């Protein structure tokens, strides 16, 4: 059993965060503005997690990532621009009965490698090659020289965060057991997208 903690959660479809990575959410809904104000007054932690469906209180996937507010900009109208730094993956143990407008859970913090993992040379080459085809198909402008200088973890997790896959596919990337498995799944998803030519087809549902 890992360490257990209480987390305020921000359910956002398609938004992945990994430990040692960053995510820049824009906060505008009143309940999540209240969540940010509360986090800033306490430990600056927010649990990023994907909802499984729609509605005002959607069911949630089991695994998310704790983000620490590393930087924030409070706008005049009450909105926030944040930069979240990923700290740890977590598993929801149970949702708590709270009076706050935002949802809170009891969560188990999951073990994550203390140091960035690496890929084999063939796996790295396959990922970069597929990423180039994927970017060309999307019409993305990419600084490939900068990409080649990224460490393996930053490359894999960075692409996983920004790729336009559906929630189930993104969740599968988040829950991959290690970096090699995540890179392989990411390469497969990008290859599948290249064959379909339709972002809505990139799905595990």
N, C-alpha and C. Protein backbone atom coordinates (compact mmCIF):
# COMPACT_ATOMS: atom_id res chain seq x y z
N UNK A 1 0.84 -1.19 0.00
CA UNK A 1 0.00 0.00 0.00
C UNK A 1 0.88 1.25 0.00
N UNK A 2 0.56 2.18 -0.90
CA UNK A 2 1.29 3.43 -0.92
C UNK A 2 0.72 4.43 0.07
N UNK A 3 1.37 5.57 0.18
CA UNK A 3 0.90 6.63 1.06
C UNK A 3 -0.47 7.11 0.60
N UNK A 4 -1.36 7.36 1.55
CA UNK A 4 -2.68 7.86 1.22
C UNK A 4 -2.77 9.35 1.55
N UNK A 5 -3.55 10.06 0.74
CA UNK A 5 -3.66 11.50 0.92
C UNK A 5 -5.01 11.97 0.44
N UNK A 6 -5.41 13.14 0.88
CA UNK A 6 -6.65 13.77 0.43
C UNK A 6 -6.30 14.72 -0.71
N UNK A 7 -7.06 14.63 -1.81
CA UNK A 7 -6.79 15.47 -2.98
C UNK A 7 -8.06 16.14 -3.47
N UNK A 8 -7.95 17.41 -3.82
CA UNK A 8 -8.97 18.06 -4.62
C UNK A 8 -8.68 17.70 -6.07
N UNK A 9 -9.71 17.36 -6.83
CA UNK A 9 -9.47 16.85 -8.17
C UNK A 9 -10.06 17.78 -9.23
N UNK A 10 -9.38 17.79 -10.37
CA UNK A 10 -9.79 18.58 -11.53
C UNK A 10 -10.02 17.60 -12.68
N UNK A 11 -11.27 17.13 -12.88
CA UNK A 11 -11.54 16.21 -13.98
C UNK A 11 -11.56 16.95 -15.31
N UNK A 12 -10.67 16.55 -16.22
CA UNK A 12 -10.56 17.25 -17.50
C UNK A 12 -10.22 16.23 -18.58
N UNK A 13 -11.15 15.99 -19.52
CA UNK A 13 -10.89 14.99 -20.55
C UNK A 13 -9.73 15.39 -21.46
N UNK A 14 -8.90 14.40 -21.77
CA UNK A 14 -7.78 14.64 -22.68
C UNK A 14 -6.57 15.28 -22.04
N UNK A 15 -6.66 15.65 -20.76
CA UNK A 15 -5.55 16.34 -20.09
C UNK A 15 -4.75 15.34 -19.26
N UNK A 16 -3.55 15.01 -19.74
CA UNK A 16 -2.65 14.12 -19.01
C UNK A 16 -1.54 14.92 -18.36
N UNK A 17 -1.12 14.47 -17.20
CA UNK A 17 0.06 15.01 -16.54
C UNK A 17 0.86 13.83 -16.03
N UNK A 18 2.18 13.89 -16.21
CA UNK A 18 3.09 12.87 -15.72
C UNK A 18 4.05 13.49 -14.70
N UNK A 19 4.54 12.70 -13.76
CA UNK A 19 5.59 13.20 -12.87
C UNK A 19 6.76 13.75 -13.69
N UNK A 20 7.30 14.86 -13.24
CA UNK A 20 8.43 15.57 -13.87
C UNK A 20 8.05 16.30 -15.15
N UNK A 21 6.76 16.30 -15.50
CA UNK A 21 6.30 17.05 -16.66
C UNK A 21 5.44 18.24 -16.18
N UNK A 22 5.06 19.10 -17.13
CA UNK A 22 4.27 20.29 -16.79
C UNK A 22 3.02 20.37 -17.65
N UNK A 23 1.99 21.01 -17.10
CA UNK A 23 0.72 21.18 -17.79
C UNK A 23 0.22 22.59 -17.47
N UNK A 24 -0.25 23.35 -18.50
CA UNK A 24 -0.68 24.74 -18.27
C UNK A 24 -2.20 24.95 -18.37
N UNK A 25 -2.99 24.45 -17.43
CA UNK A 25 -4.45 24.64 -17.54
C UNK A 25 -4.88 26.08 -17.30
N UNK A 26 -5.96 26.45 -17.98
CA UNK A 26 -6.61 27.74 -17.77
C UNK A 26 -7.88 27.47 -16.97
N UNK A 27 -8.02 28.12 -15.83
CA UNK A 27 -9.13 27.85 -14.91
C UNK A 27 -10.15 28.98 -14.98
N UNK A 28 -11.39 28.64 -15.38
CA UNK A 28 -12.40 29.69 -15.51
C UNK A 28 -13.72 29.35 -14.81
N UNK A 29 -14.04 28.07 -14.62
CA UNK A 29 -15.30 27.74 -13.94
C UNK A 29 -15.21 28.12 -12.46
N UNK A 30 -16.30 28.67 -11.90
CA UNK A 30 -16.26 29.10 -10.49
C UNK A 30 -15.82 28.01 -9.52
N UNK A 31 -16.30 26.76 -9.71
CA UNK A 31 -15.94 25.70 -8.76
C UNK A 31 -14.45 25.40 -8.80
N UNK A 32 -13.84 25.53 -9.97
CA UNK A 32 -12.41 25.24 -10.07
C UNK A 32 -11.56 26.45 -9.70
N UNK A 33 -12.13 27.64 -9.83
CA UNK A 33 -11.45 28.81 -9.27
C UNK A 33 -11.37 28.67 -7.74
N UNK A 34 -12.47 28.18 -7.15
CA UNK A 34 -12.48 27.94 -5.70
C UNK A 34 -11.46 26.86 -5.34
N UNK A 35 -11.34 25.84 -6.18
CA UNK A 35 -10.37 24.77 -5.94
C UNK A 35 -8.94 25.32 -5.95
N UNK A 36 -8.64 26.18 -6.91
CA UNK A 36 -7.29 26.76 -6.99
C UNK A 36 -7.02 27.64 -5.78
N UNK A 37 -7.99 28.48 -5.40
CA UNK A 37 -7.81 29.33 -4.22
C UNK A 37 -7.54 28.49 -2.98
N UNK A 38 -8.27 27.39 -2.85
CA UNK A 38 -8.08 26.49 -1.71
C UNK A 38 -6.69 25.86 -1.76
N UNK A 39 -6.28 25.41 -2.94
CA UNK A 39 -4.95 24.77 -3.07
C UNK A 39 -3.83 25.75 -2.76
N UNK A 40 -3.97 26.99 -3.21
CA UNK A 40 -2.94 28.00 -2.95
C UNK A 40 -2.84 28.31 -1.45
N UNK A 41 -3.94 28.19 -0.75
CA UNK A 41 -3.94 28.46 0.69
C UNK A 41 -3.40 27.29 1.49
N UNK A 42 -3.31 26.10 0.85
CA UNK A 42 -2.85 24.92 1.58
C UNK A 42 -1.50 24.43 1.01
N UNK A 43 -1.53 23.36 0.21
CA UNK A 43 -0.27 22.74 -0.21
C UNK A 43 -0.01 22.85 -1.71
N UNK A 44 -0.85 23.62 -2.41
CA UNK A 44 -0.70 23.86 -3.86
C UNK A 44 -0.90 22.61 -4.72
N UNK A 45 -1.48 21.56 -4.17
CA UNK A 45 -1.64 20.32 -4.93
C UNK A 45 -3.05 20.19 -5.51
N UNK A 46 -3.12 19.70 -6.73
CA UNK A 46 -4.37 19.41 -7.42
C UNK A 46 -4.23 18.05 -8.08
N UNK A 47 -5.27 17.23 -8.01
CA UNK A 47 -5.25 15.93 -8.67
C UNK A 47 -5.86 16.03 -10.06
N UNK A 48 -5.04 15.90 -11.09
CA UNK A 48 -5.53 15.89 -12.47
C UNK A 48 -5.99 14.48 -12.82
N UNK A 49 -7.22 14.37 -13.31
CA UNK A 49 -7.75 13.05 -13.66
C UNK A 49 -8.77 13.21 -14.78
N UNK A 50 -8.93 12.19 -15.59
CA UNK A 50 -9.88 12.25 -16.68
C UNK A 50 -11.24 11.70 -16.26
N UNK A 51 -12.33 12.36 -16.68
CA UNK A 51 -13.66 11.77 -16.48
C UNK A 51 -13.90 10.67 -17.50
N UNK A 52 -14.72 9.70 -17.13
CA UNK A 52 -15.08 8.61 -18.04
C UNK A 52 -16.27 8.96 -18.93
N UNK A 53 -16.98 10.01 -18.59
CA UNK A 53 -18.17 10.37 -19.35
C UNK A 53 -18.52 11.82 -19.09
N UNK A 54 -19.76 12.21 -19.47
CA UNK A 54 -20.18 13.58 -19.31
C UNK A 54 -21.02 13.77 -18.06
N UNK A 55 -21.66 14.93 -17.99
CA UNK A 55 -22.50 15.25 -16.85
C UNK A 55 -21.79 16.15 -15.85
N UNK A 56 -22.57 16.67 -14.90
CA UNK A 56 -21.99 17.57 -13.90
C UNK A 56 -21.12 16.84 -12.89
N UNK A 57 -21.41 15.56 -12.66
CA UNK A 57 -20.59 14.74 -11.75
C UNK A 57 -20.26 13.43 -12.48
N UNK A 58 -19.36 13.50 -13.46
CA UNK A 58 -19.08 12.31 -14.27
C UNK A 58 -18.29 11.27 -13.48
N UNK A 59 -18.44 9.99 -13.84
CA UNK A 59 -17.56 8.97 -13.27
C UNK A 59 -16.12 9.25 -13.70
N UNK A 60 -15.18 8.78 -12.91
CA UNK A 60 -13.77 9.10 -13.13
C UNK A 60 -12.96 7.85 -13.44
N UNK A 61 -11.90 8.02 -14.21
CA UNK A 61 -10.91 6.95 -14.31
C UNK A 61 -10.25 6.79 -12.95
N UNK A 62 -9.63 5.65 -12.75
CA UNK A 62 -9.07 5.33 -11.43
C UNK A 62 -7.73 6.00 -11.17
N UNK A 63 -6.95 6.21 -12.24
CA UNK A 63 -5.58 6.70 -12.09
C UNK A 63 -5.46 8.14 -12.61
N UNK A 64 -4.77 8.98 -11.84
CA UNK A 64 -4.50 10.35 -12.24
C UNK A 64 -3.10 10.74 -11.80
N UNK A 65 -2.82 12.04 -11.83
CA UNK A 65 -1.50 12.53 -11.43
C UNK A 65 -1.65 13.76 -10.54
N UNK A 66 -0.92 13.79 -9.45
CA UNK A 66 -0.89 14.95 -8.58
C UNK A 66 -0.04 16.03 -9.23
N UNK A 67 -0.62 17.22 -9.35
CA UNK A 67 0.14 18.36 -9.87
C UNK A 67 0.31 19.42 -8.81
N UNK A 68 1.50 19.97 -8.71
CA UNK A 68 1.75 21.08 -7.79
C UNK A 68 1.74 22.38 -8.59
N UNK A 69 1.06 23.40 -8.08
CA UNK A 69 1.03 24.69 -8.75
C UNK A 69 2.41 25.32 -8.65
N UNK A 70 3.16 25.24 -9.76
CA UNK A 70 4.51 25.79 -9.79
C UNK A 70 4.50 27.27 -10.11
N UNK A 71 3.47 27.71 -10.84
CA UNK A 71 3.34 29.12 -11.20
C UNK A 71 1.87 29.40 -11.42
N UNK A 72 1.42 30.60 -11.05
CA UNK A 72 0.03 30.97 -11.32
C UNK A 72 -0.07 32.45 -11.64
N UNK A 73 -1.06 32.76 -12.46
CA UNK A 73 -1.40 34.15 -12.78
C UNK A 73 -2.88 34.32 -12.46
N UNK A 74 -3.17 35.19 -11.51
CA UNK A 74 -4.55 35.47 -11.14
C UNK A 74 -5.04 36.64 -11.97
N UNK A 75 -6.05 36.40 -12.81
CA UNK A 75 -6.58 37.44 -13.68
C UNK A 75 -7.63 38.27 -12.96
N UNK A 76 -7.88 39.47 -13.47
CA UNK A 76 -8.77 40.41 -12.79
C UNK A 76 -10.20 39.89 -12.63
N UNK A 77 -10.63 39.03 -13.55
CA UNK A 77 -12.01 38.53 -13.50
C UNK A 77 -12.15 37.24 -12.69
N UNK A 78 -11.09 36.84 -11.99
CA UNK A 78 -11.16 35.66 -11.13
C UNK A 78 -10.62 34.39 -11.75
N UNK A 79 -10.32 34.42 -13.06
CA UNK A 79 -9.75 33.24 -13.70
C UNK A 79 -8.27 33.11 -13.33
N UNK A 80 -7.73 31.91 -13.58
CA UNK A 80 -6.32 31.65 -13.31
C UNK A 80 -5.67 31.00 -14.53
N UNK A 81 -4.43 31.38 -14.77
CA UNK A 81 -3.55 30.61 -15.64
C UNK A 81 -2.54 29.91 -14.74
N UNK A 82 -2.44 28.60 -14.87
CA UNK A 82 -1.56 27.82 -14.00
C UNK A 82 -0.47 27.12 -14.80
N UNK A 83 0.59 26.78 -14.12
CA UNK A 83 1.54 25.78 -14.59
C UNK A 83 1.64 24.74 -13.49
N UNK A 84 1.20 23.51 -13.81
CA UNK A 84 1.26 22.42 -12.85
C UNK A 84 2.49 21.56 -13.12
N UNK A 85 3.19 21.22 -12.07
CA UNK A 85 4.33 20.30 -12.15
C UNK A 85 3.90 18.94 -11.61
N UNK A 86 4.07 17.90 -12.42
CA UNK A 86 3.65 16.57 -12.01
C UNK A 86 4.52 16.03 -10.88
N UNK A 87 3.87 15.53 -9.83
CA UNK A 87 4.60 15.01 -8.67
C UNK A 87 4.55 13.50 -8.58
N UNK A 88 3.34 12.92 -8.68
CA UNK A 88 3.16 11.49 -8.45
C UNK A 88 1.86 11.03 -9.08
N UNK A 89 1.86 9.81 -9.63
CA UNK A 89 0.60 9.21 -10.03
C UNK A 89 -0.17 8.79 -8.78
N UNK A 90 -1.49 8.76 -8.91
CA UNK A 90 -2.30 8.32 -7.77
C UNK A 90 -3.44 7.44 -8.27
N UNK A 91 -3.96 6.63 -7.34
CA UNK A 91 -5.15 5.81 -7.59
C UNK A 91 -6.24 6.27 -6.63
N UNK A 92 -7.43 6.48 -7.13
CA UNK A 92 -8.54 6.86 -6.25
C UNK A 92 -8.94 5.67 -5.38
N UNK A 93 -8.97 5.88 -4.09
CA UNK A 93 -9.46 4.88 -3.14
C UNK A 93 -10.96 5.04 -2.95
N UNK A 94 -11.40 6.26 -2.75
CA UNK A 94 -12.83 6.55 -2.61
C UNK A 94 -13.04 8.05 -2.77
N UNK A 95 -14.23 8.42 -3.24
CA UNK A 95 -14.57 9.83 -3.30
C UNK A 95 -15.14 10.24 -1.95
N UNK A 96 -14.78 11.44 -1.51
CA UNK A 96 -15.19 11.92 -0.20
C UNK A 96 -16.48 12.73 -0.29
N UNK A 97 -17.25 12.67 0.77
CA UNK A 97 -18.49 13.45 0.87
C UNK A 97 -18.10 14.83 1.41
N UNK A 98 -18.15 15.84 0.56
CA UNK A 98 -17.65 17.17 0.94
C UNK A 98 -18.70 18.23 0.66
N UNK A 99 -18.51 19.39 1.27
CA UNK A 99 -19.42 20.52 1.05
C UNK A 99 -18.85 21.51 0.03
N UNK A 100 -17.62 21.31 -0.41
CA UNK A 100 -17.02 22.20 -1.38
C UNK A 100 -17.65 22.00 -2.76
N UNK A 101 -17.57 23.02 -3.59
CA UNK A 101 -18.11 22.92 -4.95
C UNK A 101 -17.29 21.96 -5.81
N UNK A 102 -16.02 21.80 -5.46
CA UNK A 102 -15.14 20.90 -6.20
C UNK A 102 -15.06 19.55 -5.48
N UNK A 103 -14.78 18.52 -6.24
CA UNK A 103 -14.76 17.15 -5.72
C UNK A 103 -13.42 16.86 -5.04
N UNK A 104 -13.47 15.99 -4.02
CA UNK A 104 -12.27 15.58 -3.31
C UNK A 104 -12.28 14.07 -3.13
N UNK A 105 -11.09 13.49 -3.12
CA UNK A 105 -10.96 12.04 -3.00
C UNK A 105 -9.90 11.67 -1.98
N UNK A 106 -10.01 10.46 -1.49
CA UNK A 106 -8.89 9.83 -0.79
C UNK A 106 -8.13 9.07 -1.86
N UNK A 107 -6.83 9.30 -1.93
CA UNK A 107 -6.03 8.72 -3.00
C UNK A 107 -4.80 8.03 -2.45
N UNK A 108 -4.39 6.98 -3.16
CA UNK A 108 -3.15 6.28 -2.85
C UNK A 108 -2.08 6.74 -3.83
N UNK A 109 -0.97 7.26 -3.32
CA UNK A 109 0.12 7.69 -4.19
C UNK A 109 0.87 6.46 -4.69
N UNK A 110 1.15 6.42 -5.99
CA UNK A 110 1.76 5.25 -6.61
C UNK A 110 3.27 5.45 -6.79
N UNK A 111 3.98 4.35 -6.74
CA UNK A 111 5.43 4.40 -6.92
C UNK A 111 5.75 4.75 -8.37
N UNK A 112 6.67 5.66 -8.57
CA UNK A 112 7.11 6.07 -9.90
C UNK A 112 8.63 6.12 -9.88
N UNK A 113 9.29 5.77 -10.99
CA UNK A 113 10.76 5.76 -10.97
C UNK A 113 11.35 7.09 -10.49
N UNK A 114 12.31 7.01 -9.59
CA UNK A 114 12.93 8.22 -9.04
C UNK A 114 13.74 8.97 -10.08
N UNK A 115 14.28 8.24 -11.05
CA UNK A 115 15.07 8.85 -12.13
C UNK A 115 14.39 8.57 -13.46
N UNK A 116 14.54 9.45 -14.45
CA UNK A 116 13.93 9.22 -15.76
C UNK A 116 14.37 7.89 -16.36
N UNK A 117 13.42 7.17 -16.96
CA UNK A 117 13.73 5.92 -17.63
C UNK A 117 14.27 6.20 -19.04
N UNK A 118 14.87 5.19 -19.63
CA UNK A 118 15.42 5.33 -20.98
C UNK A 118 14.83 4.26 -21.89
N UNK A 119 14.94 4.51 -23.20
CA UNK A 119 14.49 3.57 -24.21
C UNK A 119 15.68 2.93 -24.90
N UNK A 120 15.44 1.79 -25.52
CA UNK A 120 16.46 1.21 -26.39
C UNK A 120 16.60 2.10 -27.62
N UNK A 121 17.72 2.02 -28.31
CA UNK A 121 17.92 2.83 -29.52
C UNK A 121 16.87 2.54 -30.58
N UNK A 122 16.52 1.25 -30.84
CA UNK A 122 15.48 0.98 -31.83
C UNK A 122 14.12 1.57 -31.46
N UNK A 123 13.77 1.50 -30.17
CA UNK A 123 12.49 2.03 -29.73
C UNK A 123 12.45 3.56 -29.89
N UNK A 124 13.54 4.21 -29.55
CA UNK A 124 13.61 5.67 -29.72
C UNK A 124 13.52 6.04 -31.20
N UNK A 125 14.23 5.32 -32.04
CA UNK A 125 14.22 5.61 -33.48
C UNK A 125 12.83 5.41 -34.06
N UNK A 126 12.14 4.33 -33.65
CA UNK A 126 10.80 4.05 -34.16
C UNK A 126 9.82 5.14 -33.73
N UNK A 127 9.95 5.58 -32.49
CA UNK A 127 9.06 6.63 -31.99
C UNK A 127 9.27 7.94 -32.75
N UNK A 128 10.52 8.34 -32.92
CA UNK A 128 10.80 9.59 -33.63
C UNK A 128 10.31 9.52 -35.06
N UNK A 129 10.53 8.38 -35.72
CA UNK A 129 10.10 8.22 -37.11
C UNK A 129 8.59 8.33 -37.23
N UNK A 130 7.86 7.65 -36.33
CA UNK A 130 6.40 7.70 -36.38
C UNK A 130 5.90 9.08 -36.01
N UNK A 131 6.58 9.75 -35.09
CA UNK A 131 6.18 11.10 -34.69
C UNK A 131 6.31 12.07 -35.86
N UNK A 132 7.33 11.89 -36.68
CA UNK A 132 7.48 12.75 -37.86
C UNK A 132 6.33 12.55 -38.83
N UNK A 133 5.97 11.30 -39.08
CA UNK A 133 4.85 11.03 -39.98
C UNK A 133 3.54 11.57 -39.41
N UNK A 134 3.38 11.37 -38.12
CA UNK A 134 2.18 11.85 -37.44
C UNK A 134 2.07 13.37 -37.54
N UNK A 135 3.16 14.07 -37.27
CA UNK A 135 3.16 15.54 -37.32
C UNK A 135 2.89 16.03 -38.73
N UNK A 136 3.47 15.37 -39.73
CA UNK A 136 3.23 15.76 -41.12
C UNK A 136 1.75 15.59 -41.48
N UNK A 137 1.15 14.47 -41.02
CA UNK A 137 -0.26 14.21 -41.31
C UNK A 137 -1.16 15.26 -40.65
N UNK A 138 -0.75 15.74 -39.47
CA UNK A 138 -1.52 16.75 -38.74
C UNK A 138 -1.27 18.16 -39.23
N UNK A 139 -0.16 18.34 -39.95
CA UNK A 139 0.22 19.68 -40.37
C UNK A 139 0.89 20.48 -39.26
N UNK A 140 1.48 19.76 -38.28
CA UNK A 140 2.17 20.43 -37.17
C UNK A 140 3.55 20.91 -37.62
N UNK A 141 3.94 22.09 -37.16
CA UNK A 141 5.30 22.57 -37.36
C UNK A 141 6.11 22.19 -36.12
N UNK A 142 7.15 21.39 -36.32
CA UNK A 142 7.92 20.85 -35.19
C UNK A 142 9.39 21.16 -35.39
N UNK A 143 10.04 21.60 -34.31
CA UNK A 143 11.48 21.81 -34.33
C UNK A 143 12.14 20.46 -34.04
N UNK A 144 12.43 19.70 -35.09
CA UNK A 144 12.93 18.34 -34.91
C UNK A 144 14.33 18.31 -34.32
N UNK A 145 15.10 19.36 -34.55
CA UNK A 145 16.43 19.40 -33.93
C UNK A 145 16.31 19.45 -32.41
N UNK A 146 15.33 20.24 -31.94
CA UNK A 146 15.09 20.31 -30.49
C UNK A 146 14.55 18.98 -29.96
N UNK A 147 13.70 18.33 -30.76
CA UNK A 147 13.13 17.05 -30.34
C UNK A 147 14.22 16.01 -30.13
N UNK A 148 15.19 15.96 -31.03
CA UNK A 148 16.25 14.96 -30.93
C UNK A 148 17.10 15.15 -29.67
N UNK A 149 17.06 16.36 -29.09
CA UNK A 149 17.86 16.63 -27.89
C UNK A 149 17.11 16.29 -26.60
N UNK A 150 15.80 15.99 -26.71
CA UNK A 150 15.03 15.64 -25.51
C UNK A 150 15.46 14.28 -24.98
N UNK A 151 15.44 14.13 -23.66
CA UNK A 151 15.67 12.81 -23.10
C UNK A 151 14.44 11.95 -23.40
N UNK A 152 14.60 10.63 -23.27
CA UNK A 152 13.54 9.71 -23.67
C UNK A 152 12.23 9.96 -22.92
N UNK A 153 12.31 10.17 -21.61
CA UNK A 153 11.11 10.37 -20.82
C UNK A 153 10.37 11.63 -21.25
N UNK A 154 11.10 12.72 -21.45
CA UNK A 154 10.46 13.97 -21.86
C UNK A 154 9.80 13.84 -23.22
N UNK A 155 10.43 13.10 -24.12
CA UNK A 155 9.86 12.91 -25.45
C UNK A 155 8.57 12.09 -25.38
N UNK A 156 8.64 10.93 -24.76
CA UNK A 156 7.49 10.03 -24.70
C UNK A 156 6.32 10.69 -23.96
N UNK A 157 6.58 11.18 -22.77
CA UNK A 157 5.49 11.73 -21.97
C UNK A 157 4.99 13.05 -22.55
N UNK A 158 5.88 13.83 -23.16
CA UNK A 158 5.46 15.08 -23.78
C UNK A 158 4.52 14.84 -24.95
N UNK A 159 4.85 13.87 -25.80
CA UNK A 159 3.97 13.55 -26.94
C UNK A 159 2.66 12.97 -26.43
N UNK A 160 2.73 12.11 -25.41
CA UNK A 160 1.51 11.52 -24.85
C UNK A 160 0.57 12.61 -24.33
N UNK A 161 1.12 13.66 -23.74
CA UNK A 161 0.29 14.73 -23.19
C UNK A 161 -0.41 15.53 -24.28
N UNK A 162 0.25 15.79 -25.41
CA UNK A 162 -0.32 16.71 -26.40
C UNK A 162 -1.01 16.01 -27.56
N UNK A 163 -0.81 14.70 -27.73
CA UNK A 163 -1.39 14.00 -28.88
C UNK A 163 -2.92 14.02 -28.82
N UNK A 164 -3.60 14.18 -29.96
CA UNK A 164 -5.06 14.32 -29.98
C UNK A 164 -5.79 12.98 -30.00
N UNK A 165 -5.54 12.16 -28.98
CA UNK A 165 -6.22 10.87 -28.87
C UNK A 165 -7.43 11.00 -27.95
N UNK A 166 -8.31 10.01 -27.99
CA UNK A 166 -9.48 10.04 -27.12
C UNK A 166 -9.07 9.72 -25.68
N UNK A 167 -10.04 9.92 -24.76
CA UNK A 167 -9.73 9.78 -23.33
C UNK A 167 -9.24 8.39 -22.97
N UNK A 168 -9.83 7.34 -23.57
CA UNK A 168 -9.41 5.98 -23.24
C UNK A 168 -7.98 5.71 -23.70
N UNK A 169 -7.63 6.21 -24.88
CA UNK A 169 -6.27 6.03 -25.38
C UNK A 169 -5.28 6.79 -24.51
N UNK A 170 -5.64 8.02 -24.14
CA UNK A 170 -4.76 8.81 -23.28
C UNK A 170 -4.58 8.12 -21.92
N UNK A 171 -5.67 7.55 -21.41
CA UNK A 171 -5.59 6.88 -20.12
C UNK A 171 -4.69 5.66 -20.20
N UNK A 172 -4.77 4.93 -21.30
CA UNK A 172 -3.90 3.76 -21.48
C UNK A 172 -2.43 4.18 -21.48
N UNK A 173 -2.13 5.32 -22.06
CA UNK A 173 -0.75 5.84 -22.04
C UNK A 173 -0.33 6.17 -20.61
N UNK A 174 -1.23 6.82 -19.87
CA UNK A 174 -0.91 7.19 -18.49
C UNK A 174 -0.64 5.96 -17.63
N UNK A 175 -1.41 4.89 -17.87
CA UNK A 175 -1.33 3.70 -17.02
C UNK A 175 -0.32 2.67 -17.51
N UNK A 176 0.38 2.96 -18.59
CA UNK A 176 1.40 2.01 -19.08
C UNK A 176 2.39 1.70 -17.95
N UNK A 177 2.82 0.44 -17.84
CA UNK A 177 3.64 0.04 -16.69
C UNK A 177 5.03 0.64 -16.65
N UNK A 178 5.57 1.03 -17.80
CA UNK A 178 6.89 1.65 -17.82
C UNK A 178 7.04 2.46 -19.10
N UNK A 179 8.16 3.15 -19.23
CA UNK A 179 8.36 4.04 -20.37
C UNK A 179 8.41 3.27 -21.69
N UNK A 180 9.02 2.10 -21.69
CA UNK A 180 9.11 1.31 -22.92
C UNK A 180 7.73 0.92 -23.42
N UNK A 181 6.86 0.49 -22.50
CA UNK A 181 5.50 0.11 -22.88
C UNK A 181 4.72 1.32 -23.37
N UNK A 182 4.92 2.46 -22.72
CA UNK A 182 4.23 3.68 -23.16
C UNK A 182 4.70 4.11 -24.55
N UNK A 183 6.00 4.03 -24.79
CA UNK A 183 6.54 4.39 -26.10
C UNK A 183 6.00 3.48 -27.19
N UNK A 184 5.90 2.18 -26.90
CA UNK A 184 5.38 1.24 -27.89
C UNK A 184 3.92 1.53 -28.20
N UNK A 185 3.11 1.77 -27.16
CA UNK A 185 1.70 2.09 -27.39
C UNK A 185 1.56 3.41 -28.14
N UNK A 186 2.35 4.39 -27.79
CA UNK A 186 2.30 5.68 -28.45
C UNK A 186 2.65 5.55 -29.93
N UNK A 187 3.67 4.77 -30.23
CA UNK A 187 4.07 4.54 -31.61
C UNK A 187 2.93 3.86 -32.38
N UNK A 188 2.28 2.88 -31.75
CA UNK A 188 1.16 2.18 -32.40
C UNK A 188 -0.02 3.13 -32.65
N UNK A 189 -0.33 3.97 -31.69
CA UNK A 189 -1.45 4.90 -31.85
C UNK A 189 -1.18 5.90 -32.97
N UNK A 190 0.04 6.40 -33.03
CA UNK A 190 0.37 7.35 -34.10
C UNK A 190 0.35 6.67 -35.47
N UNK A 191 0.79 5.42 -35.52
CA UNK A 191 0.76 4.68 -36.79
C UNK A 191 -0.68 4.45 -37.22
N UNK A 192 -1.55 4.11 -36.27
CA UNK A 192 -2.96 3.90 -36.57
C UNK A 192 -3.59 5.18 -37.09
N UNK A 193 -3.25 6.29 -36.46
CA UNK A 193 -3.77 7.58 -36.91
C UNK A 193 -3.34 7.84 -38.35
N UNK A 194 -2.09 7.54 -38.67
CA UNK A 194 -1.60 7.76 -40.02
C UNK A 194 -2.37 6.98 -41.07
N UNK A 195 -2.86 5.80 -40.68
CA UNK A 195 -3.63 4.99 -41.63
C UNK A 195 -5.06 5.49 -41.77
N UNK A 196 -5.65 6.01 -40.68
CA UNK A 196 -7.05 6.42 -40.75
C UNK A 196 -7.20 7.84 -41.28
N UNK A 197 -6.22 8.70 -40.92
CA UNK A 197 -6.29 10.09 -41.35
C UNK A 197 -7.39 10.89 -40.68
N UNK A 198 -7.91 10.38 -39.56
CA UNK A 198 -9.01 11.05 -38.87
C UNK A 198 -8.77 10.97 -37.37
N UNK A 199 -8.58 12.11 -36.73
CA UNK A 199 -8.26 12.12 -35.29
C UNK A 199 -9.35 11.43 -34.47
N UNK A 200 -10.61 11.54 -34.93
CA UNK A 200 -11.69 10.92 -34.17
C UNK A 200 -11.62 9.41 -34.21
N UNK A 201 -10.80 8.86 -35.12
CA UNK A 201 -10.67 7.41 -35.23
C UNK A 201 -9.62 6.86 -34.25
N UNK A 202 -8.83 7.76 -33.66
CA UNK A 202 -7.78 7.29 -32.75
C UNK A 202 -8.42 7.02 -31.40
N UNK A 203 -8.85 5.79 -31.22
CA UNK A 203 -9.65 5.47 -30.05
C UNK A 203 -9.39 4.06 -29.58
N UNK A 204 -9.52 3.86 -28.28
CA UNK A 204 -9.45 2.52 -27.70
C UNK A 204 -10.83 2.11 -27.17
N UNK A 205 -11.83 2.93 -27.39
CA UNK A 205 -13.15 2.62 -26.85
C UNK A 205 -13.86 1.60 -27.74
